[in-house]
Amino acid sequence: MPPAYVEDHDERTTVTDNDHTTVTRNDEAGRYEIHVDGELAGFSEFSTDPKGRLRFTHTQTDPAFRGQGLGGTLVAGAMADVARSGETVRPYCPFVAKYLSENDVEGLTVDWPTPRPDASEG
């Protein structure tokens, strides 16, 4: 089931998979965050380049939460949100690159850097 979409009024966008896991866009910190039962479990950092594209540079999951598929949930929520907002992704993070190589995200525009990040590292 695709994540539900809720827009907050505090410069954050929230994508919720279920009652326990939430993916939030935190523009102030320049990252999407995944929280499990309110605890930060991981994040995917981005910045905006001069052309307005979102450069995803690093994704990290707290070791205490690894092995639960949260990285994929985080990136799926982030990419769905970016697609809804009409922004363009430029994936430099190998994990994000791997996700995008293996998954079609409806409405998402991807501007692949040259050379492409090594998706086998993700």
PDB file of N, CA and C in Angstrom:
ATOM      1  N   MET A   1       0.840  -1.169   0.000  1.00  0.00           N
ATOM      2  CA  MET A   1       0.000   0.000   0.000  1.00  0.00           C
ATOM      3  C   MET A   1       0.892   1.242   0.000  1.00  0.00           C
ATOM      4  N   PRO A   2       0.658   2.209  -0.899  1.00  0.00           N
ATOM      5  CA  PRO A   2       1.506   3.393  -0.932  1.00  0.00           C
ATOM      6  C   PRO A   2       1.331   4.233   0.325  1.00  0.00           C
ATOM      7  N   PRO A   3       2.380   4.972   0.693  1.00  0.00           N
ATOM      8  CA  PRO A   3       2.300   5.787   1.890  1.00  0.00           C
ATOM      9  C   PRO A   3       1.232   6.872   1.764  1.00  0.00           C
ATOM     10  N   ALA A   4       0.649   7.236   2.898  1.00  0.00           N
ATOM     11  CA  ALA A   4      -0.291   8.356   2.933  1.00  0.00           C
ATOM     12  C   ALA A   4       0.510   9.649   2.959  1.00  0.00           C
ATOM     13  N   TYR A   5      -0.078  10.724   2.479  1.00  0.00           N
ATOM     14  CA  TYR A   5       0.632  11.996   2.391  1.00  0.00           C
ATOM     15  C   TYR A   5      -0.087  13.031   3.253  1.00  0.00           C
ATOM     16  N   VAL A   6       0.666  13.674   4.117  1.00  0.00           N
ATOM     17  CA  VAL A   6       0.123  14.729   4.965  1.00  0.00           C
ATOM     18  C   VAL A   6       1.113  15.872   4.947  1.00  0.00           C
ATOM     19  N   GLU A   7       0.638  17.092   4.713  1.00  0.00           N
ATOM     20  CA  GLU A   7       1.536  18.244   4.726  1.00  0.00           C
ATOM     21  C   GLU A   7       1.338  19.014   6.019  1.00  0.00           C
ATOM     22  N   ASP A   8       2.405  19.213   6.758  1.00  0.00           N
ATOM     23  CA  ASP A   8       2.371  19.995   7.981  1.00  0.00           C
ATOM     24  C   ASP A   8       2.560  21.461   7.633  1.00  0.00           C
ATOM     25  N   HIS A   9       2.367  22.340   8.591  1.00  0.00           N
ATOM     26  CA  HIS A   9       2.517  23.768   8.373  1.00  0.00           C
ATOM     27  C   HIS A   9       3.824  24.292   8.943  1.00  0.00           C
ATOM     28  N   ASP A  10       4.787  23.440   9.255  1.00  0.00           N
ATOM     29  CA  ASP A  10       6.036  23.884   9.884  1.00  0.00           C
ATOM     30  C   ASP A  10       7.255  23.613   9.015  1.00  0.00           C
ATOM     31  N   GLU A  11       7.132  23.813   7.699  1.00  0.00           N
ATOM     32  CA  GLU A  11       8.249  23.619   6.776  1.00  0.00           C
ATOM     33  C   GLU A  11       8.654  22.150   6.667  1.00  0.00           C
ATOM     34  N   ARG A  12       7.790  21.242   7.038  1.00  0.00           N
ATOM     35  CA  ARG A  12       8.071  19.815   6.922  1.00  0.00           C
ATOM     36  C   ARG A  12       6.944  19.137   6.160  1.00  0.00           C
ATOM     37  N   THR A  13       7.291  18.079   5.461  1.00  0.00           N
ATOM     38  CA  THR A  13       6.316  17.267   4.766  1.00  0.00           C
ATOM     39  C   THR A  13       6.426  15.862   5.330  1.00  0.00           C
ATOM     40  N   THR A  14       5.298  15.268   5.660  1.00  0.00           N
ATOM     41  CA  THR A  14       5.313  13.949   6.278  1.00  0.00           C
ATOM     42  C   THR A  14       4.657  12.925   5.371  1.00  0.00           C
ATOM     43  N   VAL A  15       5.319  11.792   5.224  1.00  0.00           N
ATOM     44  CA  VAL A  15       4.792  10.646   4.499  1.00  0.00           C
ATOM     45  C   VAL A  15       4.748   9.518   5.520  1.00  0.00           C
ATOM     46  N   THR A  16       3.575   8.946   5.764  1.00  0.00           N
ATOM     47  CA  THR A  16       3.429   7.953   6.825  1.00  0.00           C
ATOM     48  C   THR A  16       3.098   6.592   6.235  1.00  0.00           C
ATOM     49  N   ASP A  17       3.877   5.553   6.591  1.00  0.00           N
ATOM     50  CA  ASP A  17       3.594   4.195   6.146  1.00  0.00           C
ATOM     51  C   ASP A  17       2.585   3.517   7.067  1.00  0.00           C
ATOM     52  N   ASN A  18       2.747   3.705   8.351  1.00  0.00           N
ATOM     53  CA  ASN A  18       1.824   3.103   9.318  1.00  0.00           C
ATOM     54  C   ASN A  18       1.894   3.894  10.617  1.00  0.00           C
ATOM     55  N   ASP A  19       1.277   3.402  11.641  1.00  0.00           N
ATOM     56  CA  ASP A  19       1.231   4.121  12.908  1.00  0.00           C
ATOM     57  C   ASP A  19       2.586   4.217  13.599  1.00  0.00           C
ATOM     58  N   HIS A  20       3.563   3.379  13.202  1.00  0.00           N
ATOM     59  CA  HIS A  20       4.841   3.328  13.907  1.00  0.00           C
ATOM     60  C   HIS A  20       5.996   3.958  13.136  1.00  0.00           C
ATOM     61  N   THR A  21       5.868   4.102  11.818  1.00  0.00           N
ATOM     62  CA  THR A  21       6.971   4.590  10.980  1.00  0.00           C
ATOM     63  C   THR A  21       6.535   5.832  10.211  1.00  0.00           C
ATOM     64  N   THR A  22       7.337   6.893  10.318  1.00  0.00           N
ATOM     65  CA  THR A  22       7.029   8.150   9.644  1.00  0.00           C
ATOM     66  C   THR A  22       8.262   8.653   8.906  1.00  0.00           C
ATOM     67  N   VAL A  23       8.072   9.069   7.656  1.00  0.00           N
ATOM     68  CA  VAL A  23       9.129   9.706   6.877  1.00  0.00           C
ATOM     69  C   VAL A  23       8.771  11.182   6.778  1.00  0.00           C
ATOM     70  N   THR A  24       9.716  12.036   7.161  1.00  0.00           N
ATOM     71  CA  THR A  24       9.472  13.477   7.209  1.00  0.00           C
ATOM     72  C   THR A  24      10.540  14.214   6.420  1.00  0.00           C
ATOM     73  N   ARG A  25      10.113  15.192   5.632  1.00  0.00           N
ATOM     74  CA  ARG A  25      11.062  16.067   4.948  1.00  0.00           C
ATOM     75  C   ARG A  25      11.375  17.221   5.896  1.00  0.00           C
ATOM     76  N   ASN A  26      12.650  17.353   6.232  1.00  0.00           N
ATOM     77  CA  ASN A  26      13.109  18.406   7.125  1.00  0.00           C
ATOM     78  C   ASN A  26      13.984  19.350   6.307  1.00  0.00           C
ATOM     79  N   ASP A  27      13.365  20.383   5.736  1.00  0.00           N
ATOM     80  CA  ASP A  27      14.098  21.313   4.871  1.00  0.00           C
ATOM     81  C   ASP A  27      15.173  22.071   5.637  1.00  0.00           C
ATOM     82  N   GLU A  28      14.916  22.385   6.888  1.00  0.00           N
ATOM     83  CA  GLU A  28      15.897  23.123   7.687  1.00  0.00           C
ATOM     84  C   GLU A  28      17.207  22.343   7.824  1.00  0.00           C
ATOM     85  N   ALA A  29      17.100  21.028   8.008  1.00  0.00           N
ATOM     86  CA  ALA A  29      18.287  20.171   8.140  1.00  0.00           C
ATOM     87  C   ALA A  29      18.768  19.650   6.784  1.00  0.00           C
ATOM     88  N   GLY A  30      17.988  19.838   5.724  1.00  0.00           N
ATOM     89  CA  GLY A  30      18.373  19.350   4.400  1.00  0.00           C
ATOM     90  C   GLY A  30      18.366  17.840   4.327  1.00  0.00           C
ATOM     91  N   ARG A  31      17.293  17.238   4.839  1.00  0.00           N
ATOM     92  CA  ARG A  31      17.236  15.776   4.794  1.00  0.00           C
ATOM     93  C   ARG A  31      15.813  15.265   4.994  1.00  0.00           C
ATOM     94  N   TYR A  32      15.601  14.041   4.539  1.00  0.00           N
ATOM     95  CA  TYR A  32      14.407  13.287   4.879  1.00  0.00           C
ATOM     96  C   TYR A  32      14.794  12.417   6.058  1.00  0.00           C
ATOM     97  N   GLU A  33      13.893  12.283   7.011  1.00  0.00           N
ATOM     98  CA  GLU A  33      14.155  11.494   8.214  1.00  0.00           C
ATOM     99  C   GLU A  33      13.110  10.410   8.345  1.00  0.00           C
ATOM    100  N   ILE A  34      13.526   9.273   8.870  1.00  0.00           N
ATOM    101  CA  ILE A  34      12.569   8.216   9.193  1.00  0.00           C
ATOM    102  C   ILE A  34      12.584   8.042  10.701  1.00  0.00           C
ATOM    103  N   HIS A  35      11.386   8.049  11.265  1.00  0.00           N
ATOM    104  CA  HIS A  35      11.215   7.875  12.706  1.00  0.00           C
ATOM    105  C   HIS A  35      10.406   6.605  12.946  1.00  0.00           C
ATOM    106  N   VAL A  36      10.810   5.837  13.944  1.00  0.00           N
ATOM    107  CA  VAL A  36      10.085   4.647  14.364  1.00  0.00           C
ATOM    108  C   VAL A  36       9.622   4.898  15.790  1.00  0.00           C
ATOM    109  N   ASP A  37       8.320   4.879  15.980  1.00  0.00           N
ATOM    110  CA  ASP A  37       7.739   5.186  17.291  1.00  0.00           C
ATOM    111  C   ASP A  37       8.314   6.483  17.855  1.00  0.00           C
ATOM    112  N   GLY A  38       8.489   7.484  16.992  1.00  0.00           N
ATOM    113  CA  GLY A  38       8.963   8.797  17.411  1.00  0.00           C
ATOM    114  C   GLY A  38      10.468   8.947  17.527  1.00  0.00           C
ATOM    115  N   GLU A  39      11.223   7.852  17.356  1.00  0.00           N
ATOM    116  CA  GLU A  39      12.680   7.898  17.480  1.00  0.00           C
ATOM    117  C   GLU A  39      13.332   7.960  16.098  1.00  0.00           C
ATOM    118  N   LEU A  40      14.298   8.872  15.936  1.00  0.00           N
ATOM    119  CA  LEU A  40      15.008   8.990  14.669  1.00  0.00           C
ATOM    120  C   LEU A  40      15.765   7.695  14.380  1.00  0.00           C
ATOM    121  N   ALA A  41      15.449   7.070  13.242  1.00  0.00           N
ATOM    122  CA  ALA A  41      16.069   5.801  12.873  1.00  0.00           C
ATOM    123  C   ALA A  41      17.004   5.932  11.680  1.00  0.00           C
ATOM    124  N   GLY A  42      16.907   7.034  10.938  1.00  0.00           N
ATOM    125  CA  GLY A  42      17.781   7.216   9.789  1.00  0.00           C
ATOM    126  C   GLY A  42      17.422   8.477   9.040  1.00  0.00           C
ATOM    127  N   PHE A  43      18.255   8.793   8.035  1.00  0.00           N
ATOM    128  CA  PHE A  43      18.028  10.002   7.245  1.00  0.00           C
ATOM    129  C   PHE A  43      18.698   9.875   5.889  1.00  0.00           C
ATOM    130  N   SER A  44      18.221  10.699   4.960  1.00  0.00           N
ATOM    131  CA  SER A  44      18.803  10.804   3.628  1.00  0.00           C
ATOM    132  C   SER A  44      19.009  12.291   3.355  1.00  0.00           C
ATOM    133  N   GLU A  45      20.280  12.690   3.222  1.00  0.00           N
ATOM    134  CA  GLU A  45      20.622  14.103   3.076  1.00  0.00           C
ATOM    135  C   GLU A  45      20.480  14.564   1.630  1.00  0.00           C
ATOM    136  N   PHE A  46      20.016  15.815   1.482  1.00  0.00           N
ATOM    137  CA  PHE A  46      19.920  16.426   0.167  1.00  0.00           C
ATOM    138  C   PHE A  46      20.261  17.907   0.254  1.00  0.00           C
ATOM    139  N   SER A  47      20.629  18.459  -0.896  1.00  0.00           N
ATOM    140  CA  SER A  47      20.817  19.903  -1.028  1.00  0.00           C
ATOM    141  C   SER A  47      20.274  20.286  -2.395  1.00  0.00           C
ATOM    142  N   THR A  48      19.997  21.554  -2.562  1.00  0.00           N
ATOM    143  CA  THR A  48      19.487  22.039  -3.835  1.00  0.00           C
ATOM    144  C   THR A  48      20.635  22.648  -4.627  1.00  0.00           C
ATOM    145  N   ASP A  49      20.805  22.178  -5.870  1.00  0.00           N
ATOM    146  CA  ASP A  49      21.885  22.712  -6.692  1.00  0.00           C
ATOM    147  C   ASP A  49      21.414  23.992  -7.392  1.00  0.00           C
ATOM    148  N   PRO A  50      22.318  24.681  -8.106  1.00  0.00           N
ATOM    149  CA  PRO A  50      21.945  25.956  -8.753  1.00  0.00           C
ATOM    150  C   PRO A  50      20.791  25.842  -9.762  1.00  0.00           C
ATOM    151  N   LYS A  51      20.543  24.635 -10.287  1.00  0.00           N
ATOM    152  CA  LYS A  51      19.441  24.442 -11.229  1.00  0.00           C
ATOM    153  C   LYS A  51      18.144  24.042 -10.527  1.00  0.00           C
ATOM    154  N   GLY A  52      18.159  23.994  -9.185  1.00  0.00           N
ATOM    155  CA  GLY A  52      16.959  23.658  -8.422  1.00  0.00           C
ATOM    156  C   GLY A  52      16.721  22.179  -8.230  1.00  0.00           C
ATOM    157  N   ARG A  53      17.669  21.339  -8.637  1.00  0.00           N
ATOM    158  CA  ARG A  53      17.534  19.888  -8.472  1.00  0.00           C
ATOM    159  C   ARG A  53      17.936  19.499  -7.063  1.00  0.00           C
ATOM    160  N   LEU A  54      17.298  18.455  -6.534  1.00  0.00           N
ATOM    161  CA  LEU A  54      17.675  17.942  -5.217  1.00  0.00           C
ATOM    162  C   LEU A  54      18.786  16.918  -5.377  1.00  0.00           C
ATOM    163  N   ARG A  55      19.951  17.243  -4.834  1.00  0.00           N
ATOM    164  CA  ARG A  55      21.121  16.354  -4.878  1.00  0.00           C
ATOM    165  C   ARG A  55      21.095  15.486  -3.624  1.00  0.00           C
ATOM    166  N   PHE A  56      20.770  14.198  -3.774  1.00  0.00           N
ATOM    167  CA  PHE A  56      20.805  13.271  -2.639  1.00  0.00           C
ATOM    168  C   PHE A  56      22.223  12.734  -2.533  1.00  0.00           C
ATOM    169  N   THR A  57      22.866  13.000  -1.382  1.00  0.00           N
ATOM    170  CA  THR A  57      24.296  12.718  -1.239  1.00  0.00           C
ATOM    171  C   THR A  57      24.632  11.614  -0.247  1.00  0.00           C
ATOM    172  N   HIS A  58      23.755  11.345   0.714  1.00  0.00           N
ATOM    173  CA  HIS A  58      24.105  10.367   1.749  1.00  0.00           C
ATOM    174  C   HIS A  58      22.836   9.866   2.428  1.00  0.00           C
ATOM    175  N   THR A  59      22.784   8.559   2.656  1.00  0.00           N
ATOM    176  CA  THR A  59      21.681   7.942   3.397  1.00  0.00           C
ATOM    177  C   THR A  59      22.279   7.088   4.493  1.00  0.00           C
ATOM    178  N   GLN A  60      21.693   7.177   5.671  1.00  0.00           N
ATOM    179  CA  GLN A  60      22.244   6.456   6.834  1.00  0.00           C
ATOM    180  C   GLN A  60      21.107   5.946   7.713  1.00  0.00           C
ATOM    181  N   THR A  61      21.265   4.726   8.210  1.00  0.00           N
ATOM    182  CA  THR A  61      20.329   4.148   9.166  1.00  0.00           C
ATOM    183  C   THR A  61      21.075   3.884  10.463  1.00  0.00           C
ATOM    184  N   ASP A  62      20.467   4.250  11.573  1.00  0.00           N
ATOM    185  CA  ASP A  62      21.047   3.983  12.882  1.00  0.00           C
ATOM    186  C   ASP A  62      21.255   2.476  13.014  1.00  0.00           C
ATOM    187  N   PRO A  63      22.437   2.032  13.476  1.00  0.00           N
ATOM    188  CA  PRO A  63      22.708   0.595  13.603  1.00  0.00           C
ATOM    189  C   PRO A  63      21.642  -0.163  14.400  1.00  0.00           C
ATOM    190  N   ALA A  64      21.019   0.484  15.352  1.00  0.00           N
ATOM    191  CA  ALA A  64      19.992  -0.175  16.163  1.00  0.00           C
ATOM    192  C   ALA A  64      18.756  -0.537  15.350  1.00  0.00           C
ATOM    193  N   PHE A  65      18.589   0.089  14.175  1.00  0.00           N
ATOM    194  CA  PHE A  65      17.399  -0.142  13.362  1.00  0.00           C
ATOM    195  C   PHE A  65      17.693  -0.859  12.050  1.00  0.00           C
ATOM    196  N   ARG A  66      18.933  -1.260  11.827  1.00  0.00           N
ATOM    197  CA  ARG A  66      19.284  -1.919  10.568  1.00  0.00           C
ATOM    198  C   ARG A  66      18.633  -3.290  10.459  1.00  0.00           C
ATOM    199  N   GLY A  67      18.469  -3.733   9.218  1.00  0.00           N
ATOM    200  CA  GLY A  67      17.910  -5.053   8.962  1.00  0.00           C
ATOM    201  C   GLY A  67      16.393  -5.092   8.966  1.00  0.00           C
ATOM    202  N   GLN A  68      15.758  -3.926   9.006  1.00  0.00           N
ATOM    203  CA  GLN A  68      14.299  -3.861   9.037  1.00  0.00           C
ATOM    204  C   GLN A  68      13.712  -3.285   7.752  1.00  0.00           C
ATOM    205  N   GLY A  69      14.578  -2.991   6.780  1.00  0.00           N
ATOM    206  CA  GLY A  69      14.107  -2.420   5.522  1.00  0.00           C
ATOM    207  C   GLY A  69      13.770  -0.942   5.604  1.00  0.00           C
ATOM    208  N   LEU A  70      14.233  -0.284   6.659  1.00  0.00           N
ATOM    209  CA  LEU A  70      13.887   1.119   6.842  1.00  0.00           C
ATOM    210  C   LEU A  70      14.550   2.040   5.826  1.00  0.00           C
ATOM    211  N   GLY A  71      15.745   1.677   5.349  1.00  0.00           N
ATOM    212  CA  GLY A  71      16.406   2.482   4.329  1.00  0.00           C
ATOM    213  C   GLY A  71      15.558   2.566   3.071  1.00  0.00           C
ATOM    214  N   GLY A  72      15.024   1.435   2.659  1.00  0.00           N
ATOM    215  CA  GLY A  72      14.155   1.403   1.483  1.00  0.00           C
ATOM    216  C   GLY A  72      12.866   2.173   1.712  1.00  0.00           C
ATOM    217  N   THR A  73      12.299   2.049   2.902  1.00  0.00           N
ATOM    218  CA  THR A  73      11.086   2.790   3.238  1.00  0.00           C
ATOM    219  C   THR A  73      11.348   4.285   3.219  1.00  0.00           C
ATOM    220  N   LEU A  74      12.499   4.685   3.771  1.00  0.00           N
ATOM    221  CA  LEU A  74      12.897   6.086   3.794  1.00  0.00           C
ATOM    222  C   LEU A  74      13.026   6.641   2.382  1.00  0.00           C
ATOM    223  N   VAL A  75      13.786   5.972   1.532  1.00  0.00           N
ATOM    224  CA  VAL A  75      14.023   6.464   0.173  1.00  0.00           C
ATOM    225  C   VAL A  75      12.737   6.412  -0.645  1.00  0.00           C
ATOM    226  N   ALA A  76      11.920   5.377  -0.470  1.00  0.00           N
ATOM    227  CA  ALA A  76      10.639   5.302  -1.185  1.00  0.00           C
ATOM    228  C   ALA A  76       9.764   6.490  -0.831  1.00  0.00           C
ATOM    229  N   GLY A  77       9.669   6.806   0.447  1.00  0.00           N
ATOM    230  CA  GLY A  77       8.864   7.943   0.876  1.00  0.00           C
ATOM    231  C   GLY A  77       9.411   9.255   0.368  1.00  0.00           C
ATOM    232  N   ALA A  78      10.735   9.405   0.421  1.00  0.00           N
ATOM    233  CA  ALA A  78      11.370  10.632  -0.051  1.00  0.00           C
ATOM    234  C   ALA A  78      11.137  10.820  -1.545  1.00  0.00           C
ATOM    235  N   MET A  79      11.338   9.766  -2.339  1.00  0.00           N
ATOM    236  CA  MET A  79      11.192   9.884  -3.788  1.00  0.00           C
ATOM    237  C   MET A  79       9.743  10.149  -4.174  1.00  0.00           C
ATOM    238  N   ALA A  80       8.794   9.522  -3.484  1.00  0.00           N
ATOM    239  CA  ALA A  80       7.376   9.771  -3.754  1.00  0.00           C
ATOM    240  C   ALA A  80       7.022  11.224  -3.449  1.00  0.00           C
ATOM    241  N   ASP A  81       7.569  11.751  -2.370  1.00  0.00           N
ATOM    242  CA  ASP A  81       7.313  13.135  -2.003  1.00  0.00           C
ATOM    243  C   ASP A  81       7.915  14.096  -3.023  1.00  0.00           C
ATOM    244  N   VAL A  82       9.142  13.829  -3.454  1.00  0.00           N
ATOM    245  CA  VAL A  82       9.798  14.669  -4.457  1.00  0.00           C
ATOM    246  C   VAL A  82       8.995  14.645  -5.764  1.00  0.00           C
ATOM    247  N   ALA A  83       8.509  13.460  -6.138  1.00  0.00           N
ATOM    248  CA  ALA A  83       7.708  13.353  -7.362  1.00  0.00           C
ATOM    249  C   ALA A  83       6.435  14.189  -7.240  1.00  0.00           C
ATOM    250  N   ARG A  84       5.764  14.120  -6.098  1.00  0.00           N
ATOM    251  CA  ARG A  84       4.539  14.896  -5.893  1.00  0.00           C
ATOM    252  C   ARG A  84       4.798  16.399  -5.957  1.00  0.00           C
ATOM    253  N   SER A  85       5.970  16.820  -5.498  1.00  0.00           N
ATOM    254  CA  SER A  85       6.280  18.247  -5.477  1.00  0.00           C
ATOM    255  C   SER A  85       6.777  18.758  -6.825  1.00  0.00           C
ATOM    256  N   GLY A  86       7.036  17.830  -7.767  1.00  0.00           N
ATOM    257  CA  GLY A  86       7.484  18.223  -9.096  1.00  0.00           C
ATOM    258  C   GLY A  86       8.961  18.575  -9.177  1.00  0.00           C
ATOM    259  N   GLU A  87       9.714  18.243  -8.141  1.00  0.00           N
ATOM    260  CA  GLU A  87      11.152  18.530  -8.141  1.00  0.00           C
ATOM    261  C   GLU A  87      11.900  17.425  -8.890  1.00  0.00           C
ATOM    262  N   THR A  88      13.158  17.695  -9.217  1.00  0.00           N
ATOM    263  CA  THR A  88      14.024  16.750  -9.919  1.00  0.00           C
ATOM    264  C   THR A  88      15.073  16.222  -8.956  1.00  0.00           C
ATOM    265  N   VAL A  89      15.329  14.913  -9.019  1.00  0.00           N
ATOM    266  CA  VAL A  89      16.338  14.257  -8.178  1.00  0.00           C
ATOM    267  C   VAL A  89      17.626  14.084  -8.964  1.00  0.00           C
ATOM    268  N   ARG A  90      18.728  14.349  -8.312  1.00  0.00           N
ATOM    269  CA  ARG A  90      20.066  14.079  -8.854  1.00  0.00           C
ATOM    270  C   ARG A  90      20.751  13.173  -7.826  1.00  0.00           C
ATOM    271  N   PRO A  91      20.754  11.848  -8.060  1.00  0.00           N
ATOM    272  CA  PRO A  91      21.237  10.907  -7.043  1.00  0.00           C
ATOM    273  C   PRO A  91      22.759  10.716  -7.055  1.00  0.00           C
ATOM    274  N   TYR A  92      23.414  11.168  -6.010  1.00  0.00           N
ATOM    275  CA  TYR A  92      24.844  10.927  -5.813  1.00  0.00           C
ATOM    276  C   TYR A  92      25.073   9.839  -4.772  1.00  0.00           C
ATOM    277  N   CYS A  93      24.103   9.632  -3.907  1.00  0.00           N
ATOM    278  CA  CYS A  93      24.184   8.590  -2.882  1.00  0.00           C
ATOM    279  C   CYS A  93      23.994   7.220  -3.539  1.00  0.00           C
ATOM    280  N   PRO A  94      24.920   6.276  -3.329  1.00  0.00           N
ATOM    281  CA  PRO A  94      24.781   4.950  -3.935  1.00  0.00           C
ATOM    282  C   PRO A  94      23.487   4.229  -3.539  1.00  0.00           C
ATOM    283  N   PHE A  95      23.021   4.426  -2.311  1.00  0.00           N
ATOM    284  CA  PHE A  95      21.787   3.756  -1.879  1.00  0.00           C
ATOM    285  C   PHE A  95      20.590   4.303  -2.643  1.00  0.00           C
ATOM    286  N   VAL A  96      20.514   5.610  -2.798  1.00  0.00           N
ATOM    287  CA  VAL A  96      19.427   6.225  -3.556  1.00  0.00           C
ATOM    288  C   VAL A  96      19.529   5.806  -5.023  1.00  0.00           C
ATOM    289  N   ALA A  97      20.731   5.791  -5.574  1.00  0.00           N
ATOM    290  CA  ALA A  97      20.928   5.378  -6.966  1.00  0.00           C
ATOM    291  C   ALA A  97      20.461   3.942  -7.182  1.00  0.00           C
ATOM    292  N   LYS A  98      20.788   3.060  -6.252  1.00  0.00           N
ATOM    293  CA  LYS A  98      20.364   1.661  -6.366  1.00  0.00           C
ATOM    294  C   LYS A  98      18.847   1.572  -6.318  1.00  0.00           C
ATOM    295  N   TYR A  99      18.231   2.285  -5.383  1.00  0.00           N
ATOM    296  CA  TYR A  99      16.775   2.266  -5.275  1.00  0.00           C
ATOM    297  C   TYR A  99      16.145   2.715  -6.594  1.00  0.00           C
ATOM    298  N   LEU A 100      16.648   3.809  -7.158  1.00  0.00           N
ATOM    299  CA  LEU A 100      16.079   4.339  -8.395  1.00  0.00           C
ATOM    300  C   LEU A 100      16.346   3.434  -9.597  1.00  0.00           C
ATOM    301  N   SER A 101      17.445   2.695  -9.564  1.00  0.00           N
ATOM    302  CA  SER A 101      17.742   1.750 -10.638  1.00  0.00           C
ATOM    303  C   SER A 101      16.805   0.552 -10.615  1.00  0.00           C
ATOM    304  N   GLU A 102      16.309   0.222  -9.422  1.00  0.00           N
ATOM    305  CA  GLU A 102      15.479  -0.977  -9.248  1.00  0.00           C
ATOM    306  C   GLU A 102      13.986  -0.692  -9.132  1.00  0.00           C
ATOM    307  N   ASN A 103      13.603   0.576  -8.967  1.00  0.00           N
ATOM    308  CA  ASN A 103      12.202   0.912  -8.718  1.00  0.00           C
ATOM    309  C   ASN A 103      11.769   2.086  -9.585  1.00  0.00           C
ATOM    310  N   ASP A 104      10.577   1.970 -10.135  1.00  0.00           N
ATOM    311  CA  ASP A 104       9.991   3.064 -10.893  1.00  0.00           C
ATOM    312  C   ASP A 104       9.150   3.891  -9.928  1.00  0.00           C
ATOM    313  N   VAL A 105       9.401   5.184  -9.896  1.00  0.00           N
ATOM    314  CA  VAL A 105       8.636   6.088  -9.041  1.00  0.00           C
ATOM    315  C   VAL A 105       7.796   6.956  -9.962  1.00  0.00           C
ATOM    316  N   GLU A 106       6.491   6.771  -9.908  1.00  0.00           N
ATOM    317  CA  GLU A 106       5.585   7.485 -10.791  1.00  0.00           C
ATOM    318  C   GLU A 106       5.740   8.999 -10.655  1.00  0.00           C
ATOM    319  N   GLY A 107       5.954   9.649 -11.777  1.00  0.00           N
ATOM    320  CA  GLY A 107       6.034  11.097 -11.813  1.00  0.00           C
ATOM    321  C   GLY A 107       7.376  11.690 -11.420  1.00  0.00           C
ATOM    322  N   LEU A 108       8.351  10.852 -11.068  1.00  0.00           N
ATOM    323  CA  LEU A 108       9.648  11.361 -10.621  1.00  0.00           C
ATOM    324  C   LEU A 108      10.564  11.635 -11.810  1.00  0.00           C
ATOM    325  N   THR A 109      11.183  12.802 -11.804  1.00  0.00           N
ATOM    326  CA  THR A 109      12.189  13.141 -12.804  1.00  0.00           C
ATOM    327  C   THR A 109      13.561  12.937 -12.174  1.00  0.00           C
ATOM    328  N   VAL A 110      14.384  12.109 -12.811  1.00  0.00           N
ATOM    329  CA  VAL A 110      15.730  11.819 -12.324  1.00  0.00           C
ATOM    330  C   VAL A 110      16.719  12.343 -13.349  1.00  0.00           C
ATOM    331  N   ASP A 111      17.664  13.139 -12.882  1.00  0.00           N
ATOM    332  CA  ASP A 111      18.735  13.651 -13.726  1.00  0.00           C
ATOM    333  C   ASP A 111      20.017  12.979 -13.235  1.00  0.00           C
ATOM    334  N   TRP A 112      20.392  11.887 -13.911  1.00  0.00           N
ATOM    335  CA  TRP A 112      21.538  11.101 -13.468  1.00  0.00           C
ATOM    336  C   TRP A 112      22.840  11.864 -13.676  1.00  0.00           C
ATOM    337  N   PRO A 113      23.681  11.908 -12.646  1.00  0.00           N
ATOM    338  CA  PRO A 113      25.005  12.528 -12.820  1.00  0.00           C
ATOM    339  C   PRO A 113      25.899  11.628 -13.662  1.00  0.00           C
ATOM    340  N   THR A 114      26.915  12.216 -14.261  1.00  0.00           N
ATOM    341  CA  THR A 114      27.897  11.452 -15.018  1.00  0.00           C
ATOM    342  C   THR A 114      29.245  11.602 -14.328  1.00  0.00           C
ATOM    343  N   PRO A 115      29.906  10.517 -13.953  1.00  0.00           N
ATOM    344  CA  PRO A 115      29.420   9.141 -14.040  1.00  0.00           C
ATOM    345  C   PRO A 115      28.365   8.867 -12.979  1.00  0.00           C
ATOM    346  N   ARG A 116      27.583   7.821 -13.216  1.00  0.00           N
ATOM    347  CA  ARG A 116      26.558   7.420 -12.242  1.00  0.00           C
ATOM    348  C   ARG A 116      27.229   6.894 -10.988  1.00  0.00           C
ATOM    349  N   PRO A 117      26.588   7.106  -9.832  1.00  0.00           N
ATOM    350  CA  PRO A 117      27.135   6.509  -8.596  1.00  0.00           C
ATOM    351  C   PRO A 117      27.103   4.989  -8.711  1.00  0.00           C
ATOM    352  N   ASP A 118      28.008   4.322  -8.033  1.00  0.00           N
ATOM    353  CA  ASP A 118      28.070   2.864  -8.062  1.00  0.00           C
ATOM    354  C   ASP A 118      26.950   2.309  -7.201  1.00  0.00           C
ATOM    355  N   ALA A 119      25.854   1.919  -7.850  1.00  0.00           N
ATOM    356  CA  ALA A 119      24.673   1.423  -7.139  1.00  0.00           C
ATOM    357  C   ALA A 119      24.957   0.111  -6.414  1.00  0.00           C
ATOM    358  N   SER A 120      26.031  -0.581  -6.751  1.00  0.00           N
ATOM    359  CA  SER A 120      26.335  -1.831  -6.058  1.00  0.00           C
ATOM    360  C   SER A 120      26.810  -1.561  -4.633  1.00  0.00           C
ATOM    361  N   GLU A 121      27.179  -0.310  -4.322  1.00  0.00           N
ATOM    362  CA  GLU A 121      27.609   0.036  -2.977  1.00  0.00           C
ATOM    363  C   GLU A 121      26.440   0.308  -2.049  1.00  0.00           C
ATOM    364  N   GLY A 122      25.223   0.497  -2.596  1.00  0.00           N
ATOM    365  CA  GLY A 122      24.056   0.886  -1.812  1.00  0.00           C
ATOM    366  C   GLY A 122      23.454  -0.159  -1.044  1.00  0.00           C
TER     367      GLY A 122
END
